[in-house]
Amino acid sequence: DHRPWMSRYLGAAGIRTLAALKQTFDPHGLMNPGKLMPASEDGSDV
């Protein structure tokens, strides 16, 4: 699982960018929910 190190590697701006892309291409969260993006910017699931 890549989520634990994702925030450290990408930083907050990178996480926000990926989240915006995910929202654009999958606005209903149907494609692999919870697998790509951490649930919060600090990389922890909520």
PDB file of N, CA and C in Angstrom:
ATOM      1  N   ASP A   1       0.842  -1.179   0.000  1.00  0.00           N
ATOM      2  CA  ASP A   1       0.000   0.000   0.000  1.00  0.00           C
ATOM      3  C   ASP A   1       0.889   1.243   0.000  1.00  0.00           C
ATOM      4  N   HIS A   2       0.629   2.158  -0.882  1.00  0.00           N
ATOM      5  CA  HIS A   2       1.451   3.365  -1.033  1.00  0.00           C
ATOM      6  C   HIS A   2       0.945   4.541  -0.207  1.00  0.00           C
ATOM      7  N   ARG A   3      -0.233   4.442   0.357  1.00  0.00           N
ATOM      8  CA  ARG A   3      -0.806   5.586   1.077  1.00  0.00           C
ATOM      9  C   ARG A   3       0.027   6.074   2.257  1.00  0.00           C
ATOM     10  N   PRO A   4       0.695   5.200   3.035  1.00  0.00           N
ATOM     11  CA  PRO A   4       1.452   5.709   4.188  1.00  0.00           C
ATOM     12  C   PRO A   4       2.560   6.705   3.823  1.00  0.00           C
ATOM     13  N   TRP A   5       3.197   6.540   2.690  1.00  0.00           N
ATOM     14  CA  TRP A   5       4.303   7.443   2.338  1.00  0.00           C
ATOM     15  C   TRP A   5       3.904   8.503   1.322  1.00  0.00           C
ATOM     16  N   MET A   6       2.699   8.430   0.808  1.00  0.00           N
ATOM     17  CA  MET A   6       2.277   9.321  -0.263  1.00  0.00           C
ATOM     18  C   MET A   6       2.361  10.801   0.111  1.00  0.00           C
ATOM     19  N   SER A   7       1.894  11.174   1.284  1.00  0.00           N
ATOM     20  CA  SER A   7       1.920  12.582   1.696  1.00  0.00           C
ATOM     21  C   SER A   7       3.341  13.094   1.862  1.00  0.00           C
ATOM     22  N   ARG A   8       4.215  12.266   2.419  1.00  0.00           N
ATOM     23  CA  ARG A   8       5.610  12.695   2.576  1.00  0.00           C
ATOM     24  C   ARG A   8       6.275  12.890   1.224  1.00  0.00           C
ATOM     25  N   TYR A   9       5.956  12.042   0.272  1.00  0.00           N
ATOM     26  CA  TYR A   9       6.578  12.099  -1.043  1.00  0.00           C
ATOM     27  C   TYR A   9       6.023  13.250  -1.886  1.00  0.00           C
ATOM     28  N   LEU A  10       4.713  13.442  -1.864  1.00  0.00           N
ATOM     29  CA  LEU A  10       4.072  14.436  -2.726  1.00  0.00           C
ATOM     30  C   LEU A  10       3.856  15.787  -2.064  1.00  0.00           C
ATOM     31  N   GLY A  11       3.727  15.803  -0.746  1.00  0.00           N
ATOM     32  CA  GLY A  11       3.420  17.040  -0.039  1.00  0.00           C
ATOM     33  C   GLY A  11       1.943  17.379  -0.154  1.00  0.00           C
ATOM     34  N   ALA A  12       1.532  18.372   0.598  1.00  0.00           N
ATOM     35  CA  ALA A  12       0.117  18.756   0.642  1.00  0.00           C
ATOM     36  C   ALA A  12      -0.388  19.223  -0.722  1.00  0.00           C
ATOM     37  N   ALA A  13       0.427  19.981  -1.451  1.00  0.00           N
ATOM     38  CA  ALA A  13       0.002  20.473  -2.768  1.00  0.00           C
ATOM     39  C   ALA A  13      -0.186  19.318  -3.748  1.00  0.00           C
ATOM     40  N   GLY A  14       0.692  18.345  -3.697  1.00  0.00           N
ATOM     41  CA  GLY A  14       0.564  17.181  -4.575  1.00  0.00           C
ATOM     42  C   GLY A  14      -0.669  16.360  -4.265  1.00  0.00           C
ATOM     43  N   ILE A  15      -0.958  16.191  -2.973  1.00  0.00           N
ATOM     44  CA  ILE A  15      -2.155  15.458  -2.566  1.00  0.00           C
ATOM     45  C   ILE A  15      -3.410  16.200  -3.024  1.00  0.00           C
ATOM     46  N   ARG A  16      -3.413  17.519  -2.872  1.00  0.00           N
ATOM     47  CA  ARG A  16      -4.567  18.309  -3.328  1.00  0.00           C
ATOM     48  C   ARG A  16      -4.749  18.194  -4.843  1.00  0.00           C
ATOM     49  N   THR A  17      -3.651  18.205  -5.583  1.00  0.00           N
ATOM     50  CA  THR A  17      -3.716  18.073  -7.038  1.00  0.00           C
ATOM     51  C   THR A  17      -4.296  16.724  -7.437  1.00  0.00           C
ATOM     52  N   LEU A  18      -3.790  15.654  -6.818  1.00  0.00           N
ATOM     53  CA  LEU A  18      -4.316  14.323  -7.124  1.00  0.00           C
ATOM     54  C   LEU A  18      -5.786  14.194  -6.733  1.00  0.00           C
ATOM     55  N   ALA A  19      -6.158  14.784  -5.602  1.00  0.00           N
ATOM     56  CA  ALA A  19      -7.555  14.742  -5.170  1.00  0.00           C
ATOM     57  C   ALA A  19      -8.450  15.487  -6.167  1.00  0.00           C
ATOM     58  N   ALA A  20      -7.965  16.612  -6.692  1.00  0.00           N
ATOM     59  CA  ALA A  20      -8.740  17.368  -7.679  1.00  0.00           C
ATOM     60  C   ALA A  20      -8.899  16.570  -8.969  1.00  0.00           C
ATOM     61  N   LEU A  21      -7.841  15.898  -9.393  1.00  0.00           N
ATOM     62  CA  LEU A  21      -7.931  15.054 -10.584  1.00  0.00           C
ATOM     63  C   LEU A  21      -8.901  13.902 -10.370  1.00  0.00           C
ATOM     64  N   LYS A  22      -8.811  13.277  -9.208  1.00  0.00           N
ATOM     65  CA  LYS A  22      -9.720  12.172  -8.884  1.00  0.00           C
ATOM     66  C   LYS A  22     -11.163  12.667  -8.905  1.00  0.00           C
ATOM     67  N   GLN A  23     -11.426  13.825  -8.325  1.00  0.00           N
ATOM     68  CA  GLN A  23     -12.774  14.391  -8.303  1.00  0.00           C
ATOM     69  C   GLN A  23     -13.254  14.708  -9.719  1.00  0.00           C
ATOM     70  N   THR A  24     -12.361  15.187 -10.569  1.00  0.00           N
ATOM     71  CA  THR A  24     -12.723  15.529 -11.943  1.00  0.00           C
ATOM     72  C   THR A  24     -13.104  14.293 -12.750  1.00  0.00           C
ATOM     73  N   PHE A  25     -12.281  13.251 -12.658  1.00  0.00           N
ATOM     74  CA  PHE A  25     -12.500  12.068 -13.480  1.00  0.00           C
ATOM     75  C   PHE A  25     -13.420  11.030 -12.844  1.00  0.00           C
ATOM     76  N   ASP A  26     -13.652  11.117 -11.542  1.00  0.00           N
ATOM     77  CA  ASP A  26     -14.505  10.152 -10.840  1.00  0.00           C
ATOM     78  C   ASP A  26     -15.316  10.870  -9.762  1.00  0.00           C
ATOM     79  N   PRO A  27     -16.222  11.772 -10.177  1.00  0.00           N
ATOM     80  CA  PRO A  27     -16.941  12.600  -9.202  1.00  0.00           C
ATOM     81  C   PRO A  27     -17.831  11.815  -8.236  1.00  0.00           C
ATOM     82  N   HIS A  28     -18.223  10.612  -8.605  1.00  0.00           N
ATOM     83  CA  HIS A  28     -19.087   9.815  -7.735  1.00  0.00           C
ATOM     84  C   HIS A  28     -18.310   8.785  -6.922  1.00  0.00           C
ATOM     85  N   GLY A  29     -16.985   8.758  -7.061  1.00  0.00           N
ATOM     86  CA  GLY A  29     -16.155   7.853  -6.274  1.00  0.00           C
ATOM     87  C   GLY A  29     -16.383   6.381  -6.571  1.00  0.00           C
ATOM     88  N   LEU A  30     -16.706   6.063  -7.810  1.00  0.00           N
ATOM     89  CA  LEU A  30     -17.013   4.686  -8.182  1.00  0.00           C
ATOM     90  C   LEU A  30     -15.772   3.857  -8.507  1.00  0.00           C
ATOM     91  N   MET A  31     -14.722   4.516  -8.985  1.00  0.00           N
ATOM     92  CA  MET A  31     -13.535   3.784  -9.426  1.00  0.00           C
ATOM     93  C   MET A  31     -12.580   3.541  -8.260  1.00  0.00           C
ATOM     94  N   ASN A  32     -12.549   2.319  -7.795  1.00  0.00           N
ATOM     95  CA  ASN A  32     -11.621   1.881  -6.756  1.00  0.00           C
ATOM     96  C   ASN A  32     -11.644   2.798  -5.529  1.00  0.00           C
ATOM     97  N   PRO A  33     -12.791   2.957  -4.877  1.00  0.00           N
ATOM     98  CA  PRO A  33     -12.910   3.890  -3.749  1.00  0.00           C
ATOM     99  C   PRO A  33     -11.955   3.574  -2.600  1.00  0.00           C
ATOM    100  N   GLY A  34     -11.256   4.616  -2.135  1.00  0.00           N
ATOM    101  CA  GLY A  34     -10.364   4.469  -0.995  1.00  0.00           C
ATOM    102  C   GLY A  34      -9.038   3.810  -1.290  1.00  0.00           C
ATOM    103  N   LYS A  35      -8.766   3.478  -2.532  1.00  0.00           N
ATOM    104  CA  LYS A  35      -7.534   2.755  -2.847  1.00  0.00           C
ATOM    105  C   LYS A  35      -6.403   3.668  -3.296  1.00  0.00           C
ATOM    106  N   LEU A  36      -6.712   4.735  -4.010  1.00  0.00           N
ATOM    107  CA  LEU A  36      -5.658   5.579  -4.556  1.00  0.00           C
ATOM    108  C   LEU A  36      -5.256   6.698  -3.606  1.00  0.00           C
ATOM    109  N   MET A  37      -6.233   7.393  -3.076  1.00  0.00           N
ATOM    110  CA  MET A  37      -5.961   8.579  -2.280  1.00  0.00           C
ATOM    111  C   MET A  37      -6.147   8.311  -0.798  1.00  0.00           C
ATOM    112  N   PRO A  38      -5.266   8.872   0.021  1.00  0.00           N
ATOM    113  CA  PRO A  38      -5.541   8.817   1.457  1.00  0.00           C
ATOM    114  C   PRO A  38      -6.788   9.645   1.746  1.00  0.00           C
ATOM    115  N   ALA A  39      -7.445   9.366   2.831  1.00  0.00           N
ATOM    116  CA  ALA A  39      -8.694  10.047   3.145  1.00  0.00           C
ATOM    117  C   ALA A  39      -8.479  11.488   3.592  1.00  0.00           C
ATOM    118  N   SER A  40      -7.272  11.824   4.036  1.00  0.00           N
ATOM    119  CA  SER A  40      -6.988  13.195   4.446  1.00  0.00           C
ATOM    120  C   SER A  40      -5.624  13.602   3.917  1.00  0.00           C
ATOM    121  N   GLU A  41      -5.353  14.892   3.944  1.00  0.00           N
ATOM    122  CA  GLU A  41      -4.100  15.393   3.387  1.00  0.00           C
ATOM    123  C   GLU A  41      -2.867  14.894   4.117  1.00  0.00           C
ATOM    124  N   ASP A  42      -2.995  14.527   5.390  1.00  0.00           N
ATOM    125  CA  ASP A  42      -1.816  14.072   6.124  1.00  0.00           C
ATOM    126  C   ASP A  42      -1.532  12.592   5.888  1.00  0.00           C
ATOM    127  N   GLY A  43      -2.337  11.962   5.017  1.00  0.00           N
ATOM    128  CA  GLY A  43      -2.092  10.578   4.667  1.00  0.00           C
ATOM    129  C   GLY A  43      -2.788   9.571   5.545  1.00  0.00           C
ATOM    130  N   SER A  44      -3.502  10.039   6.555  1.00  0.00           N
ATOM    131  CA  SER A  44      -4.208   9.107   7.431  1.00  0.00           C
ATOM    132  C   SER A  44      -5.642   8.947   6.951  1.00  0.00           C
ATOM    133  N   ASP A  45      -6.186   7.784   7.152  1.00  0.00           N
ATOM    134  CA  ASP A  45      -7.584   7.561   6.807  1.00  0.00           C
ATOM    135  C   ASP A  45      -8.461   8.095   7.920  1.00  0.00           C
ATOM    136  N   VAL A  46      -9.595   8.668   7.556  1.00  0.00           N
ATOM    137  CA  VAL A  46     -10.534   9.150   8.563  1.00  0.00           C
ATOM    138  C   VAL A  46     -11.751   8.272   8.617  1.00  0.00           C
TER     139      VAL A  46
END
